[in-house]
Protein backbone atom coordinates (compact mmCIF):
# COMPACT_ATOMS: atom_id res chain seq x y z
CA MET A 1 143.30 14.89 68.21
CA LEU A 2 141.33 11.89 69.83
CA ARG A 3 138.21 13.83 70.44
CA THR A 4 138.27 15.71 67.04
CA TYR A 5 139.20 12.89 64.99
CA ILE A 6 139.21 9.11 66.42
CA LEU A 7 136.03 9.72 68.33
CA PRO A 8 133.20 10.95 66.07
CA ILE A 9 134.46 7.88 63.97
CA LEU A 10 134.28 5.22 66.58
CA THR A 11 130.78 6.58 67.93
CA TYR A 12 129.31 7.24 64.16
CA GLY A 13 125.70 6.10 64.35
CA LEU A 14 125.84 4.40 67.39
CA GLU A 15 123.18 6.89 69.22
CA ILE A 16 120.92 4.93 66.74
CA VAL A 17 122.14 1.34 66.42
CA ILE A 18 123.39 1.19 70.51
CA PRO A 19 125.88 -1.25 71.28
CA LYS A 20 124.95 -3.41 74.43
CA GLY A 21 126.52 -6.85 76.47
CA LYS A 22 129.49 -8.08 74.68
CA ILE A 23 130.00 -5.47 71.90
CA LEU A 24 130.09 -2.50 74.49
CA ASP A 25 132.70 -3.92 76.14
CA ASN A 26 134.70 -5.22 73.30
CA LEU A 27 134.28 -1.34 72.04
CA GLN A 28 135.41 0.03 76.13
CA ILE A 29 138.10 -2.49 75.76
CA GLN A 30 139.63 -1.64 72.64
CA TYR A 31 139.22 2.70 73.72
CA LYS A 32 141.19 1.85 76.91
CA LYS A 33 143.76 0.26 74.75
CA LEU A 34 144.34 3.28 72.73
CA LEU A 35 144.29 5.77 76.09
CA LYS A 36 147.10 3.69 77.40
CA GLN A 37 149.06 3.29 74.31
CA ILE A 38 148.87 7.18 74.01
CA LEU A 39 149.39 7.81 78.09
CA SER A 40 152.68 5.36 77.27
CA LEU A 41 150.78 3.03 80.15
CA ASN A 42 150.98 -1.08 80.51
CA ILE A 43 147.93 -2.49 79.20
CA ASN A 44 147.38 -3.84 82.92
CA VAL A 45 147.02 -0.46 84.35
CA ALA A 46 143.86 0.72 86.73
CA ASP A 47 141.25 1.53 83.71
CA PRO A 48 140.22 4.66 86.44
CA ALA A 49 143.53 6.04 86.09
CA VAL A 50 143.25 6.05 82.48
CA TYR A 51 140.53 8.86 82.39
CA LEU A 52 141.98 10.31 85.63
CA ILE A 53 145.55 11.38 83.62
CA SER A 54 143.52 12.12 80.27
CA GLY A 55 140.26 13.87 81.82
CA LEU A 56 138.18 11.82 78.80
CA LEU A 57 134.93 9.64 79.79
CA PRO A 58 134.30 6.22 78.60
CA ILE A 59 133.49 5.30 75.51
CA GLU A 60 129.76 4.24 77.07
CA ALA A 61 129.24 8.09 78.40
CA GLU A 62 130.46 9.46 75.06
CA ILE A 63 127.53 7.14 73.43
CA HIS A 64 125.18 7.95 75.99
CA LEU A 65 125.47 12.41 75.52
CA LYS A 66 125.07 11.62 71.40
CA ILE A 67 121.53 9.49 71.75
CA LEU A 68 120.09 12.31 74.71
CA SER A 69 121.18 14.53 72.31
CA MET A 70 118.93 12.68 69.23
CA PHE A 71 116.77 12.53 71.50
CA GLY A 72 116.49 16.28 72.33
CA ASN A 73 116.42 17.09 68.55
CA ILE A 74 113.31 14.13 68.00
CA ALA A 75 111.71 16.00 71.10
CA ARG A 76 111.62 19.56 69.67
CA ALA A 77 110.77 18.53 66.23
CA ASN A 78 107.44 19.39 64.51
CA LYS A 79 104.69 17.55 66.55
CA ASN A 80 103.36 15.70 63.81
CA SER A 81 106.51 14.68 62.13
CA SER A 82 106.47 10.73 61.67
CA GLU A 83 109.63 10.81 64.77
CA TRP A 84 107.82 12.60 67.61
CA ARG A 85 104.52 11.07 67.25
CA LEU A 86 106.43 7.64 67.48
CA ALA A 87 108.11 8.91 70.10
CA GLU A 88 105.27 9.73 72.09
CA ARG A 89 104.16 6.40 71.27
CA GLN A 90 106.70 3.93 72.11
CA LEU A 91 107.20 5.52 75.54
CA GLN A 92 103.50 5.68 76.68
CA ILE A 93 102.77 1.72 75.05
CA LYS A 94 106.56 0.11 75.66
CA SER A 95 107.17 -1.66 78.47
CA PHE A 96 110.93 -1.98 80.18
CA ASP A 97 111.14 -5.53 78.26
CA SER A 98 111.44 -4.37 75.18
CA ASN A 99 114.01 -3.56 72.25
CA SER A 100 112.57 -0.16 71.19
CA TRP A 101 114.93 2.89 70.74
CA PHE A 102 112.74 4.81 72.91
CA ILE A 103 112.93 2.50 75.58
CA ASP A 104 116.53 2.31 75.72
CA MET A 105 116.80 6.19 76.22
CA LYS A 106 114.48 6.40 78.94
CA LYS A 107 116.90 3.96 80.72
CA ILE A 108 119.70 6.20 80.12
CA CYS A 109 117.62 8.96 81.62
CA ILE A 110 116.60 6.94 84.82
CA LYS A 111 120.44 6.15 84.98
CA TYR A 112 121.57 10.05 84.78
CA ASN A 113 118.92 10.59 87.08
CA LEU A 114 116.85 13.15 84.34
CA GLU A 115 113.50 13.37 83.94
CA ASN A 116 110.63 11.35 82.01
CA PRO A 117 111.67 11.55 78.26
CA LEU A 118 107.69 11.50 78.12
CA SER A 119 107.59 14.95 80.13
CA LEU A 120 110.30 16.41 78.25
CA LEU A 121 108.41 15.67 75.00
CA TYR A 122 105.17 17.50 76.24
CA ASN A 123 107.35 20.32 77.61
CA GLU A 124 109.62 21.23 75.19
CA MET A 125 113.57 22.71 76.07
CA SER A 126 115.34 25.32 74.24
CA LYS A 127 118.37 23.38 72.67
CA GLY A 128 121.11 24.87 75.00
CA LYS A 129 119.26 24.45 77.89
CA TRP A 130 118.57 20.60 77.25
CA LYS A 131 122.78 19.78 76.27
CA ASN A 132 123.43 21.75 79.29
CA MET A 133 121.09 19.30 81.58
CA THR A 134 122.35 16.62 80.27
CA THR A 135 126.19 16.92 79.59
CA THR A 136 125.91 18.06 83.59
CA ALA A 137 123.83 15.24 84.32
CA VAL A 138 126.19 12.91 82.49
CA HIS A 139 129.80 14.59 84.11
CA LYS A 140 128.09 14.31 87.51
CA TYR A 141 127.32 10.66 87.07
CA TRP A 142 130.70 9.55 85.80
CA THR A 143 132.99 11.91 87.83
CA THR A 144 131.05 10.60 91.45
CA ARG A 145 131.66 6.84 89.92
CA ILE A 146 135.26 6.98 88.44
CA ASN A 147 136.18 9.00 91.83
CA GLU A 148 135.09 5.60 94.13
CA GLU A 149 136.57 3.83 91.74
CA ILE A 150 140.20 5.21 92.10
CA MET A 151 139.87 4.79 95.93
CA TYR A 152 139.74 0.57 95.79
CA TYR A 153 142.83 -0.05 93.71
CA SER A 154 146.03 0.03 95.62
CA SER A 155 148.16 0.67 92.83
CA LEU A 156 146.80 4.70 92.88
CA LYS A 157 147.11 5.18 96.15
CA TYR A 158 149.86 7.85 95.23
CA ILE A 159 146.59 9.75 93.82
CA PRO A 160 144.55 11.99 95.92
CA THR A 161 140.94 11.32 95.56
CA SER A 162 138.81 13.02 93.85
CA SER A 163 141.44 14.04 91.44
CA PHE A 164 138.90 12.77 88.28
CA LYS A 165 137.22 16.21 86.50
CA VAL A 166 135.87 16.02 82.75
CA GLY A 167 137.69 17.64 80.48
CA LYS A 168 140.57 18.53 82.93
CA ILE A 169 144.24 16.69 81.77
CA HIS A 170 145.75 15.83 85.12
CA PRO A 171 149.21 17.87 85.87
CA LEU A 172 151.34 14.65 85.87
CA ALA A 173 150.35 14.80 81.97
CA LEU A 174 151.36 18.12 81.73
CA ALA A 175 154.91 19.38 80.62
CA ASN A 176 155.94 22.33 82.35
CA SER A 177 157.54 23.58 79.48
CA ALA A 178 158.35 23.20 75.52
CA ASN A 179 161.08 21.97 76.94
CA GLN A 180 162.00 18.21 75.36
CA ARG A 181 163.50 16.66 78.43
CA ASP A 182 160.17 17.95 80.66
CA ILE A 183 158.36 15.94 78.02
CA ASN A 184 159.93 12.60 78.05
CA ARG A 185 159.58 12.60 82.00
CA ILE A 186 155.58 12.52 81.09
CA PRO A 187 155.40 8.88 80.91
CA ILE A 188 157.72 8.06 83.85
CA ARG A 189 155.27 10.94 86.00
CA ILE A 190 152.09 8.47 85.18
CA LYS A 191 154.13 5.42 85.58
CA ILE A 192 155.04 6.40 89.21
CA ALA A 193 151.95 7.74 89.98
CA THR A 194 149.84 4.74 88.73
CA GLY A 195 152.05 2.10 90.03
CA SER A 196 153.30 0.51 87.01
CA TYR A 197 156.96 1.77 86.88
CA ILE A 198 159.03 -1.29 87.19
CA LEU A 199 161.81 -0.87 90.19
CA GLN A 200 165.00 -2.66 90.49
CA THR A 201 163.07 -3.72 93.63
CA ASN A 202 160.16 -4.96 91.65
CA ARG A 203 162.07 -7.42 89.31
CA ALA A 204 163.86 -9.02 92.40
CA ALA A 205 160.50 -9.37 93.91
CA TYR A 206 158.31 -10.92 90.95
CA ASN A 207 161.51 -12.16 88.65
CA GLN A 208 162.29 -15.92 88.74
CA ASN A 209 165.92 -15.23 88.06
CA ASN A 210 168.36 -13.63 90.64
CA VAL A 211 167.96 -9.90 89.63
CA ASP A 212 170.14 -7.55 92.12
CA PRO A 213 168.22 -5.11 93.49
CA THR A 214 170.58 -2.24 94.03
CA CYS A 215 169.95 0.75 92.12
CA LYS A 216 172.03 1.01 88.94
CA LEU A 217 172.13 5.19 88.88
CA CYS A 218 174.09 5.28 92.84
CA ASP A 219 174.97 1.67 92.93
CA GLN A 220 174.56 2.12 96.76
CA ALA A 221 170.82 1.24 98.10
CA GLU A 222 167.72 -0.63 96.88
CA GLU A 223 165.69 0.63 94.04
CA SER A 224 163.31 1.44 96.01
CA LEU A 225 160.27 4.36 94.89
CA SER A 226 161.49 6.56 98.21
CA HIS A 227 165.26 6.05 96.84
CA PHE A 228 164.77 6.35 92.92
CA CYS A 229 162.85 9.79 93.56
CA CYS A 230 165.70 10.82 95.47
CA VAL A 231 168.12 9.92 93.01
CA VAL A 232 166.36 11.50 90.31
CA GLU A 233 165.51 15.19 92.06
CA HIS A 234 169.37 15.27 92.72
């Protein structure tokens, strides 16, 4: 539903008016906040966990895909068209300091290790081939980046490295059946894996008031993560 209804509206027109700086930052913050609410995660959960669990790309990557798709349409246009001739002129004479849309697009090609857009302009590529090449490049870049970022967060130590795969929802967010009990367990599993589930030992350590760290289920031992998992299992 997010990809079908929300993303198209959220990114509408942003392949033309490319957001940068603070505008892009605010857009990413709101997008991550939305994903955390959908996944029932706290707002302070590590950002890579959001993409890891959902299998979704950051909003920046979604915008870049739209920009590359638009350039592909221009490159396949008639060489006498205004768009094609403008693209040729801008890519030939404009410097990297320019505010030209085509220079921004060129920077995106460099970011994802794609060919020089000017050569792509002269060597027309089919729509399917262009989409496959750009999608593969963007997915590869963000898969590597997000998996690398996971290693820098101690709260994500229970999640194996290289777990992020674009378009693949993590097994933690999938129910074993349509049973409501299994569905209700999903937010708890996700919170434990992302280090955001509050145990009694956490409350006792960080609360200014005198909090009893004893497990409220068995009332026999401190509610540590290992103890919590064992009690729930039984």
